[in-house]
Amino acid sequence: MKTFAYAFLLLTALHRPAFAEEVLIAVASNFVTTAEELAEAFQATSDHTAVVAHGSTGALYAQIVSGAPYDVFFSADAERPRLLDEAGLALDVKTYALGRLVLVSNDGVDLAAATEAFSGRRVALADPMVAPYGAAAVLVMENLELDTATFQPLLVTNVGQVATLFVTGNADLAFLAEAQLPLVGSAEVTVLDGRYPGIRQDAALLARSESNPAAEAFWAFLQSDAAAEVIAMNGYDPAK
């Protein structure tokens, strides 16, 4: 079902002039705070405006394939931008960040005793079918040889909802993007490096943006040192 925000963006796009000075940006939930900072920095040095909408990577990808009026897509993986490129729906694709997955809790988790640490607990993660950070969480649990029958997995659509479950006390453990740690306050953080493949996050300049000077300007800004600094300050490794 289309969200109100999506419907609003569609209406806006259909009625904007050919040379509108607005770029519509679809952003994977893990990156939304960073994308909003990028939009502010872009607007501070440009006459153009940027509008950010967010959701799970899979849901945004499906919307774009169905004709959603986005100009730029920040995915949480490399696969969806590649598919858009192959389908002729993207003008350009670039890696903008390398994401990191972490496990948060209130009491800390000893991975050497992971079975005991997870036993009987409510464990929040994004749906691995639509969210790359959720897929990475599944790989971590497989690496740790955990049996999901011994704890309660809580699947939600995106990592933003995962953070909400943890902060509201409805989850005991949560798999999050490291960039989301400011959302969970003083939670204990367990680093998971080496237990899942790196999360390469690609962006796509979408084909519908071809006549939009704002989209072209934002895409150029994304290549700048200023943009790279914002991305790095939010907990992402630089793109290689």
Protein backbone atom coordinates (compact mmCIF):
# COMPACT_ATOMS: atom_id res chain seq x y z
CA MET A 1 0.00 0.00 0.00
CA LYS A 2 1.36 3.42 -0.93
CA THR A 3 2.18 5.65 1.97
CA PHE A 4 0.89 9.20 2.22
CA ALA A 5 4.43 10.46 1.70
CA TYR A 6 4.81 8.41 -1.48
CA ALA A 7 1.48 9.66 -2.81
CA PHE A 8 2.49 13.23 -2.04
CA LEU A 9 5.78 12.82 -3.87
CA LEU A 10 3.96 11.36 -6.87
CA LEU A 11 1.55 14.30 -6.98
CA THR A 12 4.43 16.77 -6.64
CA ALA A 13 6.41 15.14 -9.41
CA LEU A 14 3.51 15.07 -11.84
CA HIS A 15 2.92 18.80 -11.43
CA ARG A 16 6.44 20.16 -11.29
CA PRO A 17 7.87 22.06 -14.27
CA ALA A 18 10.43 20.41 -16.55
CA PHE A 19 13.29 22.28 -14.91
CA ALA A 20 12.14 22.01 -11.31
CA GLU A 21 14.79 22.80 -8.72
CA GLU A 22 13.93 19.96 -6.36
CA VAL A 23 15.52 16.55 -6.00
CA LEU A 24 13.46 13.69 -4.54
CA ILE A 25 15.65 11.21 -2.67
CA ALA A 26 14.69 7.66 -1.63
CA VAL A 27 16.81 6.49 1.30
CA ALA A 28 17.25 3.14 3.04
CA SER A 29 16.24 3.51 6.69
CA ASN A 30 19.72 2.95 8.10
CA PHE A 31 20.99 6.00 6.20
CA VAL A 32 18.11 8.44 6.70
CA THR A 33 19.76 10.65 9.35
CA THR A 34 22.90 10.93 7.26
CA ALA A 35 20.89 11.63 4.11
CA GLU A 36 19.04 14.44 5.87
CA GLU A 37 22.39 15.96 6.87
CA LEU A 38 23.58 15.64 3.26
CA ALA A 39 20.39 17.34 2.07
CA GLU A 40 20.95 20.24 4.49
CA ALA A 41 24.58 20.64 3.42
CA PHE A 42 23.56 20.53 -0.24
CA GLN A 43 20.86 23.16 0.24
CA ALA A 44 23.29 25.41 2.11
CA THR A 45 25.44 25.70 -1.00
CA SER A 46 22.74 25.54 -3.68
CA ASP A 47 19.52 27.20 -4.78
CA HIS A 48 17.97 23.74 -5.13
CA THR A 49 15.99 21.88 -2.48
CA ALA A 50 16.12 18.22 -1.49
CA VAL A 51 13.24 16.09 -0.18
CA VAL A 52 14.06 12.84 1.63
CA ALA A 53 11.74 9.81 1.88
CA HIS A 54 12.82 6.60 3.60
CA GLY A 55 11.91 2.95 3.92
CA SER A 56 13.41 -0.49 3.55
CA THR A 57 15.68 -1.04 0.56
CA GLY A 58 13.38 -3.69 -0.87
CA ALA A 59 10.25 -1.57 -0.54
CA LEU A 60 11.89 1.48 -2.12
CA TYR A 61 13.27 -0.62 -4.95
CA ALA A 62 9.79 -2.01 -5.66
CA GLN A 63 8.36 1.52 -5.69
CA ILE A 64 11.01 2.72 -8.14
CA VAL A 65 10.38 -0.22 -10.48
CA SER A 66 6.68 0.64 -10.31
CA GLY A 67 7.35 4.25 -11.35
CA ALA A 68 7.81 6.09 -8.07
CA PRO A 69 8.93 9.71 -8.66
CA TYR A 70 12.38 9.55 -7.10
CA ASP A 71 15.51 11.08 -8.60
CA VAL A 72 18.18 9.47 -6.40
CA PHE A 73 18.14 6.16 -4.52
CA PHE A 74 20.40 5.44 -1.53
CA SER A 75 20.27 1.66 -1.15
CA ALA A 76 21.58 -0.37 1.78
CA ASP A 77 23.09 -2.85 -0.68
CA ALA A 78 24.74 -2.97 -4.09
CA GLU A 79 22.28 -5.40 -5.64
CA ARG A 80 19.22 -3.18 -6.14
CA PRO A 81 21.09 -0.29 -7.80
CA ARG A 82 22.76 -2.83 -10.10
CA LEU A 83 19.37 -4.26 -11.06
CA LEU A 84 18.01 -0.77 -11.74
CA ASP A 85 21.01 -0.05 -13.93
CA GLU A 86 20.54 -3.27 -15.88
CA ALA A 87 16.86 -2.42 -16.36
CA GLY A 88 17.71 0.99 -17.79
CA LEU A 89 16.24 2.78 -14.78
CA ALA A 90 19.52 4.35 -13.62
CA LEU A 91 21.85 6.84 -15.28
CA ASP A 92 24.74 6.22 -12.91
CA VAL A 93 25.60 4.05 -9.89
CA LYS A 94 28.27 4.58 -7.24
CA THR A 95 29.29 3.14 -3.90
CA TYR A 96 28.75 5.82 -1.27
CA ALA A 97 29.47 3.96 1.98
CA LEU A 98 30.45 0.70 3.62
CA GLY A 99 28.02 -0.04 6.45
CA ARG A 100 28.71 -1.79 9.75
CA LEU A 101 26.32 -4.01 11.71
CA VAL A 102 26.31 -4.01 15.52
CA LEU A 103 24.35 -5.79 18.24
CA VAL A 104 22.97 -3.68 21.07
CA SER A 105 21.68 -4.74 24.47
CA ASN A 106 21.30 -3.38 27.98
CA ASP A 107 23.72 -5.81 29.58
CA GLY A 108 26.29 -6.65 26.92
CA VAL A 109 26.69 -9.86 24.94
CA ASP A 110 29.64 -12.24 25.14
CA LEU A 111 29.78 -13.78 21.67
CA ALA A 112 31.79 -16.68 23.06
CA ALA A 113 28.65 -17.59 25.02
CA ALA A 114 26.13 -16.41 22.42
CA THR A 115 23.72 -19.31 22.91
CA GLU A 116 23.30 -18.41 26.57
CA ALA A 117 23.14 -14.67 25.85
CA PHE A 118 20.33 -15.10 23.29
CA SER A 119 18.37 -17.78 25.15
CA GLY A 120 14.83 -16.68 25.97
CA ARG A 121 15.47 -13.14 24.72
CA ARG A 122 13.51 -10.98 22.29
CA VAL A 123 15.84 -10.28 19.37
CA ALA A 124 14.92 -7.53 16.90
CA LEU A 125 16.18 -7.47 13.33
CA ALA A 126 15.05 -6.08 10.02
CA ASP A 127 13.32 -8.45 7.62
CA PRO A 128 16.17 -10.12 5.70
CA MET A 129 13.98 -10.39 2.60
CA VAL A 130 13.85 -6.62 2.13
CA ALA A 131 16.58 -5.15 4.37
CA PRO A 132 20.31 -5.84 3.81
CA TYR A 133 21.11 -5.21 7.49
CA GLY A 134 18.58 -7.89 8.36
CA ALA A 135 20.23 -10.29 5.91
CA ALA A 136 23.59 -9.54 7.55
CA ALA A 137 22.07 -10.23 10.99
CA VAL A 138 20.93 -13.67 9.81
CA LEU A 139 24.47 -14.43 8.64
CA VAL A 140 25.82 -13.41 12.06
CA MET A 141 23.39 -15.74 13.83
CA GLU A 142 24.34 -18.56 11.48
CA ASN A 143 28.02 -17.83 12.17
CA LEU A 144 27.32 -18.07 15.89
CA GLU A 145 25.40 -21.33 15.31
CA LEU A 146 22.33 -20.01 17.10
CA ASP A 147 19.06 -21.93 17.11
CA THR A 148 16.14 -19.55 16.58
CA ALA A 149 13.91 -21.93 18.51
CA THR A 150 15.73 -20.88 21.70
CA PHE A 151 14.87 -17.17 21.47
CA GLN A 152 12.16 -14.90 20.05
CA PRO A 153 13.11 -13.22 16.74
CA LEU A 154 11.20 -9.98 16.14
CA LEU A 155 11.13 -9.18 12.41
CA VAL A 156 10.23 -5.67 11.32
CA THR A 157 10.41 -3.92 7.96
CA ASN A 158 13.56 -1.84 8.45
CA VAL A 159 16.34 -0.99 10.90
CA GLY A 160 14.59 2.21 11.94
CA GLN A 161 11.81 0.08 13.39
CA VAL A 162 14.40 -2.18 15.02
CA ALA A 163 15.79 0.83 16.91
CA THR A 164 12.28 1.79 18.03
CA LEU A 165 11.62 -1.70 19.40
CA PHE A 166 14.80 -1.58 21.46
CA VAL A 167 14.38 1.97 22.77
CA THR A 168 10.78 1.31 23.84
CA GLY A 169 11.81 -1.82 25.76
CA ASN A 170 10.07 -4.22 23.42
CA ALA A 171 13.31 -5.99 22.43
CA ASP A 172 16.20 -7.22 24.58
CA LEU A 173 18.74 -7.42 21.76
CA ALA A 174 18.76 -5.56 18.46
CA PHE A 175 20.80 -5.73 15.26
CA LEU A 176 21.39 -2.16 14.07
CA ALA A 177 23.55 -0.15 11.72
CA GLU A 178 26.41 1.43 13.67
CA ALA A 179 25.21 4.80 12.38
CA GLN A 180 22.03 4.35 14.46
CA LEU A 181 23.81 4.15 17.82
CA PRO A 182 22.93 7.75 18.77
CA LEU A 183 19.29 6.61 18.75
CA VAL A 184 19.80 4.02 21.49
CA GLY A 185 21.58 6.12 24.09
CA SER A 186 23.82 4.26 26.54
CA ALA A 187 23.11 0.75 25.28
CA GLU A 188 25.90 -1.81 25.37
CA VAL A 189 27.37 -2.37 21.90
CA THR A 190 28.81 -5.65 20.62
CA VAL A 191 30.99 -5.37 17.52
CA LEU A 192 30.34 -8.07 14.91
CA ASP A 193 33.21 -7.54 12.49
CA GLY A 194 34.30 -10.67 10.68
CA ARG A 195 31.00 -12.48 11.19
CA TYR A 196 29.28 -11.16 8.05
CA PRO A 197 30.42 -9.81 4.66
CA GLY A 198 30.90 -6.07 4.43
CA ILE A 199 27.71 -4.14 3.67
CA ARG A 200 28.46 -2.20 0.49
CA GLN A 201 25.89 0.53 0.00
CA ASP A 202 25.38 1.92 -3.50
CA ALA A 203 23.41 4.89 -4.75
CA ALA A 204 21.73 5.32 -8.12
CA LEU A 205 20.99 8.45 -10.09
CA LEU A 206 17.65 7.39 -11.53
CA ALA A 207 16.70 7.74 -15.18
CA ARG A 208 13.71 9.97 -14.48
CA SER A 209 16.11 12.64 -13.17
CA GLU A 210 17.67 13.23 -16.59
CA SER A 211 16.05 16.65 -17.09
CA ASN A 212 16.25 17.72 -13.46
CA PRO A 213 19.13 20.14 -12.72
CA ALA A 214 18.61 19.72 -8.96
CA ALA A 215 19.20 15.96 -9.20
CA GLU A 216 22.32 16.49 -11.31
CA ALA A 217 23.63 19.04 -8.80
CA PHE A 218 22.95 16.74 -5.84
CA TRP A 219 24.68 13.83 -7.57
CA ALA A 220 27.73 16.03 -8.17
CA PHE A 221 27.64 17.12 -4.51
CA LEU A 222 27.65 13.47 -3.46
CA GLN A 223 31.10 13.11 -5.06
CA SER A 224 32.52 15.99 -2.99
CA ASP A 225 34.82 15.92 0.03
CA ALA A 226 32.12 17.69 2.03
CA ALA A 227 29.67 14.84 1.40
CA ALA A 228 32.31 12.22 2.22
CA GLU A 229 32.99 13.94 5.53
CA VAL A 230 29.30 13.89 6.50
CA ILE A 231 29.07 10.20 5.65
CA ALA A 232 32.21 9.30 7.62
CA MET A 233 31.11 11.31 10.67
CA ASN A 234 27.93 9.24 10.82
CA GLY A 235 29.68 5.91 11.35
CA TYR A 236 30.25 4.63 7.84
CA ASP A 237 33.54 3.51 6.35
CA PRO A 238 34.57 5.41 3.22
CA ALA A 239 33.70 3.83 -0.10
CA LYS A 240 36.62 2.00 -1.71
